Amino acid sequence: MRSPAQTSIWLDSGKAEHSSARGRVAILGQGQIVAVTVRMLDADGFVDFSMRKLATELNVTPMAIYWHVDSKNDVLELALDAVHGEFTQQALHPSLQ
């Protein structure tokens, strides 16, 4: 009697999930990094922001962030762009306020 075919990550059409060093499943993207950065900057300010704290908030290792951005300055610039985009949308469409 044959055993059932084994599943393969190469043949699986489902969403890829990766285990983090802490044993949890983490799917990280630039949008998530930016959203958490903006939230942290709103709460704690620029002076208290660090990549290590961002990684803790995202539940990943600090180096995992660098797969999506090149530097802390890039993260801050992306966060600034996101906030600026919100203000621009509100200025163009006052009904969104």
N, C-alpha and C. Protein backbone atom coordinates (compact mmCIF):
# COMPACT_ATOMS: atom_id res chain seq x y z
N MET A 1 0.84 -1.18 0.00
CA MET A 1 0.00 0.00 0.00
C MET A 1 0.89 1.25 0.00
N ARG A 2 0.59 2.16 -0.89
CA ARG A 2 1.41 3.38 -1.01
C ARG A 2 0.95 4.42 0.00
N SER A 3 1.91 5.18 0.47
CA SER A 3 1.56 6.29 1.36
C SER A 3 1.11 7.47 0.52
N PRO A 4 0.30 8.38 1.11
CA PRO A 4 -0.17 9.55 0.35
C PRO A 4 1.01 10.43 -0.06
N ALA A 5 0.84 11.11 -1.16
CA ALA A 5 1.89 12.00 -1.67
C ALA A 5 2.18 13.10 -0.65
N GLN A 6 3.44 13.39 -0.51
CA GLN A 6 3.86 14.45 0.39
C GLN A 6 3.62 15.81 -0.26
N THR A 7 3.27 16.79 0.55
CA THR A 7 3.12 18.14 0.03
C THR A 7 4.49 18.76 -0.13
N SER A 8 4.59 19.67 -1.02
CA SER A 8 5.86 20.33 -1.30
C SER A 8 5.66 21.84 -1.28
N ILE A 9 6.65 22.55 -0.74
CA ILE A 9 6.55 24.01 -0.77
C ILE A 9 6.58 24.54 -2.19
N TRP A 10 7.15 23.76 -3.12
CA TRP A 10 7.25 24.20 -4.51
C TRP A 10 5.92 24.02 -5.25
N LEU A 11 5.09 23.11 -4.77
CA LEU A 11 3.82 22.85 -5.43
C LEU A 11 2.64 23.48 -4.72
N ASP A 12 2.84 23.92 -3.50
CA ASP A 12 1.75 24.48 -2.70
C ASP A 12 1.35 25.84 -3.26
N SER A 13 0.08 26.01 -3.55
CA SER A 13 -0.40 27.28 -4.09
C SER A 13 -0.83 28.25 -3.01
N GLY A 14 -0.74 27.83 -1.75
CA GLY A 14 -1.14 28.70 -0.64
C GLY A 14 -0.13 29.78 -0.37
N LYS A 15 -0.48 30.66 0.53
CA LYS A 15 0.38 31.78 0.91
C LYS A 15 1.59 31.28 1.69
N ALA A 16 2.75 31.79 1.36
CA ALA A 16 3.97 31.38 2.04
C ALA A 16 4.03 31.96 3.44
N GLU A 17 4.40 31.13 4.38
CA GLU A 17 4.56 31.57 5.76
C GLU A 17 5.96 31.18 6.20
N HIS A 18 6.60 32.03 6.96
CA HIS A 18 7.95 31.79 7.41
C HIS A 18 8.00 31.86 8.92
N SER A 19 8.70 30.93 9.53
CA SER A 19 8.84 30.95 10.97
C SER A 19 9.96 31.92 11.35
N SER A 20 9.69 32.75 12.33
CA SER A 20 10.71 33.66 12.82
C SER A 20 11.57 32.95 13.85
N ALA A 21 12.64 33.60 14.25
CA ALA A 21 13.54 33.03 15.26
C ALA A 21 12.81 32.81 16.58
N ARG A 22 11.75 33.52 16.81
CA ARG A 22 11.00 33.40 18.05
C ARG A 22 9.90 32.35 17.97
N GLY A 23 9.84 31.62 16.83
CA GLY A 23 8.90 30.52 16.71
C GLY A 23 7.51 30.92 16.24
N ARG A 24 7.29 32.16 15.95
CA ARG A 24 5.98 32.61 15.48
C ARG A 24 6.02 32.76 13.96
N VAL A 25 4.86 32.71 13.35
CA VAL A 25 4.79 32.91 11.91
C VAL A 25 4.78 34.40 11.64
N ALA A 26 5.67 34.84 10.76
CA ALA A 26 5.76 36.27 10.45
C ALA A 26 5.77 36.47 8.95
N ILE A 27 4.90 37.32 8.47
CA ILE A 27 4.91 37.74 7.07
C ILE A 27 5.08 39.25 7.11
N LEU A 28 6.20 39.71 6.65
CA LEU A 28 6.57 41.11 6.78
C LEU A 28 6.61 41.78 5.42
N GLY A 29 6.15 43.02 5.36
CA GLY A 29 6.21 43.78 4.13
C GLY A 29 6.50 45.24 4.43
N GLN A 30 6.90 45.97 3.40
CA GLN A 30 7.25 47.37 3.57
C GLN A 30 6.09 48.19 4.10
N GLY A 31 4.88 47.92 3.63
CA GLY A 31 3.71 48.65 4.11
C GLY A 31 3.49 48.48 5.60
N GLN A 32 3.68 47.26 6.09
CA GLN A 32 3.54 46.99 7.52
C GLN A 32 4.62 47.72 8.31
N ILE A 33 5.84 47.72 7.79
CA ILE A 33 6.95 48.42 8.45
C ILE A 33 6.64 49.91 8.55
N VAL A 34 6.16 50.49 7.47
CA VAL A 34 5.86 51.92 7.46
C VAL A 34 4.71 52.25 8.41
N ALA A 35 3.65 51.45 8.40
CA ALA A 35 2.51 51.72 9.27
C ALA A 35 2.91 51.67 10.75
N VAL A 36 3.70 50.69 11.12
CA VAL A 36 4.14 50.58 12.52
C VAL A 36 5.09 51.71 12.86
N THR A 37 5.94 52.09 11.92
CA THR A 37 6.86 53.21 12.16
C THR A 37 6.08 54.50 12.43
N VAL A 38 5.09 54.78 11.61
CA VAL A 38 4.27 55.99 11.81
C VAL A 38 3.59 55.96 13.17
N ARG A 39 3.04 54.81 13.53
CA ARG A 39 2.37 54.68 14.83
C ARG A 39 3.36 54.91 15.98
N MET A 40 4.57 54.34 15.86
CA MET A 40 5.57 54.52 16.90
C MET A 40 6.04 55.97 16.99
N LEU A 41 6.23 56.61 15.85
CA LEU A 41 6.65 58.01 15.86
C LEU A 41 5.57 58.90 16.46
N ASP A 42 4.32 58.60 16.18
CA ASP A 42 3.22 59.36 16.80
C ASP A 42 3.21 59.19 18.31
N ALA A 43 3.46 57.98 18.77
CA ALA A 43 3.37 57.69 20.20
C ALA A 43 4.59 58.16 20.98
N ASP A 44 5.79 57.90 20.43
CA ASP A 44 7.02 58.12 21.20
C ASP A 44 7.93 59.22 20.68
N GLY A 45 7.71 59.66 19.45
CA GLY A 45 8.55 60.70 18.88
C GLY A 45 9.79 60.15 18.20
N PHE A 46 10.46 61.02 17.48
CA PHE A 46 11.63 60.66 16.68
C PHE A 46 12.82 60.25 17.55
N VAL A 47 13.04 60.94 18.64
CA VAL A 47 14.22 60.70 19.48
C VAL A 47 14.21 59.29 20.06
N ASP A 48 13.05 58.77 20.37
CA ASP A 48 12.95 57.46 21.01
C ASP A 48 12.86 56.31 20.00
N PHE A 49 12.84 56.60 18.71
CA PHE A 49 12.68 55.58 17.68
C PHE A 49 14.01 54.87 17.41
N SER A 50 13.94 53.55 17.30
CA SER A 50 15.13 52.78 16.90
C SER A 50 14.67 51.57 16.08
N MET A 51 15.58 51.05 15.28
CA MET A 51 15.26 49.87 14.48
C MET A 51 15.02 48.66 15.39
N ARG A 52 15.72 48.59 16.49
CA ARG A 52 15.53 47.48 17.43
C ARG A 52 14.12 47.51 18.02
N LYS A 53 13.66 48.71 18.40
CA LYS A 53 12.30 48.85 18.94
C LYS A 53 11.26 48.54 17.87
N LEU A 54 11.53 48.98 16.64
CA LEU A 54 10.63 48.68 15.53
C LEU A 54 10.53 47.17 15.32
N ALA A 55 11.67 46.49 15.34
CA ALA A 55 11.68 45.04 15.17
C ALA A 55 10.90 44.35 16.27
N THR A 56 11.06 44.82 17.50
CA THR A 56 10.31 44.24 18.63
C THR A 56 8.82 44.43 18.41
N GLU A 57 8.44 45.61 17.97
CA GLU A 57 7.02 45.90 17.72
C GLU A 57 6.45 45.02 16.60
N LEU A 58 7.28 44.74 15.60
CA LEU A 58 6.87 43.90 14.47
C LEU A 58 7.01 42.40 14.77
N ASN A 59 7.64 42.10 15.89
CA ASN A 59 7.87 40.71 16.30
C ASN A 59 8.79 39.96 15.33
N VAL A 60 9.84 40.66 14.89
CA VAL A 60 10.85 40.07 14.01
C VAL A 60 12.23 40.46 14.54
N THR A 61 13.26 39.88 13.96
CA THR A 61 14.61 40.31 14.32
C THR A 61 14.91 41.62 13.60
N PRO A 62 15.80 42.44 14.16
CA PRO A 62 16.12 43.71 13.49
C PRO A 62 16.61 43.52 12.05
N MET A 63 17.38 42.48 11.79
CA MET A 63 17.90 42.28 10.43
C MET A 63 16.81 41.94 9.42
N ALA A 64 15.68 41.41 9.88
CA ALA A 64 14.58 41.09 8.95
C ALA A 64 14.05 42.34 8.28
N ILE A 65 14.10 43.46 8.96
CA ILE A 65 13.61 44.72 8.40
C ILE A 65 14.46 45.14 7.21
N TYR A 66 15.75 44.84 7.27
CA TYR A 66 16.66 45.28 6.22
C TYR A 66 16.50 44.51 4.91
N TRP A 67 15.65 43.50 4.88
CA TRP A 67 15.29 42.86 3.61
C TRP A 67 14.34 43.75 2.83
N HIS A 68 13.69 44.70 3.52
CA HIS A 68 12.65 45.53 2.91
C HIS A 68 13.06 46.98 2.76
N VAL A 69 14.00 47.44 3.57
CA VAL A 69 14.51 48.81 3.50
C VAL A 69 16.02 48.77 3.69
N ASP A 70 16.71 49.78 3.17
CA ASP A 70 18.16 49.78 3.25
C ASP A 70 18.71 50.34 4.56
N SER A 71 17.97 51.27 5.17
CA SER A 71 18.52 51.93 6.35
C SER A 71 17.41 52.53 7.21
N LYS A 72 17.78 52.97 8.39
CA LYS A 72 16.83 53.66 9.27
C LYS A 72 16.32 54.93 8.59
N ASN A 73 17.21 55.62 7.90
CA ASN A 73 16.80 56.84 7.19
C ASN A 73 15.74 56.54 6.14
N ASP A 74 15.86 55.40 5.45
CA ASP A 74 14.85 55.02 4.46
C ASP A 74 13.50 54.76 5.13
N VAL A 75 13.51 54.11 6.30
CA VAL A 75 12.26 53.86 7.03
C VAL A 75 11.61 55.18 7.39
N LEU A 76 12.40 56.11 7.91
CA LEU A 76 11.87 57.41 8.31
C LEU A 76 11.35 58.20 7.11
N GLU A 77 12.06 58.11 5.99
CA GLU A 77 11.62 58.81 4.78
C GLU A 77 10.31 58.22 4.25
N LEU A 78 10.18 56.90 4.28
CA LEU A 78 8.94 56.27 3.86
C LEU A 78 7.78 56.64 4.78
N ALA A 79 8.06 56.73 6.08
CA ALA A 79 7.03 57.15 7.04
C ALA A 79 6.60 58.59 6.77
N LEU A 80 7.56 59.46 6.49
CA LEU A 80 7.26 60.85 6.17
C LEU A 80 6.41 60.93 4.91
N ASP A 81 6.77 60.15 3.90
CA ASP A 81 5.98 60.13 2.65
C ASP A 81 4.54 59.67 2.91
N ALA A 82 4.38 58.66 3.76
CA ALA A 82 3.05 58.15 4.07
C ALA A 82 2.20 59.22 4.75
N VAL A 83 2.78 59.91 5.73
CA VAL A 83 2.04 60.96 6.45
C VAL A 83 1.75 62.13 5.52
N HIS A 84 2.73 62.51 4.71
CA HIS A 84 2.53 63.60 3.76
C HIS A 84 1.41 63.26 2.79
N GLY A 85 1.36 61.99 2.35
CA GLY A 85 0.29 61.56 1.45
C GLY A 85 -1.08 61.68 2.09
N GLU A 86 -1.18 61.43 3.39
CA GLU A 86 -2.47 61.58 4.09
C GLU A 86 -2.90 63.04 4.09
N PHE A 87 -1.96 63.95 4.36
CA PHE A 87 -2.29 65.37 4.36
C PHE A 87 -2.66 65.84 2.96
N THR A 88 -1.97 65.37 1.95
CA THR A 88 -2.26 65.76 0.57
C THR A 88 -3.65 65.30 0.17
N GLN A 89 -4.02 64.06 0.53
CA GLN A 89 -5.34 63.56 0.22
C GLN A 89 -6.43 64.39 0.91
N GLN A 90 -6.19 64.77 2.16
CA GLN A 90 -7.17 65.58 2.90
C GLN A 90 -7.31 66.96 2.27
N ALA A 91 -6.20 67.53 1.80
CA ALA A 91 -6.25 68.85 1.17
C ALA A 91 -7.00 68.79 -0.16
N LEU A 92 -6.80 67.71 -0.91
CA LEU A 92 -7.46 67.58 -2.21
C LEU A 92 -8.92 67.16 -2.08
N HIS A 93 -9.23 66.42 -1.00
CA HIS A 93 -10.58 65.91 -0.79
C HIS A 93 -11.03 66.20 0.63
N PRO A 94 -11.46 67.42 0.92
CA PRO A 94 -11.87 67.78 2.28
C PRO A 94 -12.97 66.89 2.85
N SER A 95 -13.74 66.27 2.01
CA SER A 95 -14.82 65.40 2.51
C SER A 95 -14.29 64.15 3.22
N LEU A 96 -12.99 63.84 3.08
CA LEU A 96 -12.39 62.67 3.72
C LEU A 96 -12.07 62.91 5.18
N GLN A 97 -12.14 64.16 5.64
CA GLN A 97 -11.75 64.47 7.02
C GLN A 97 -12.72 63.94 8.02
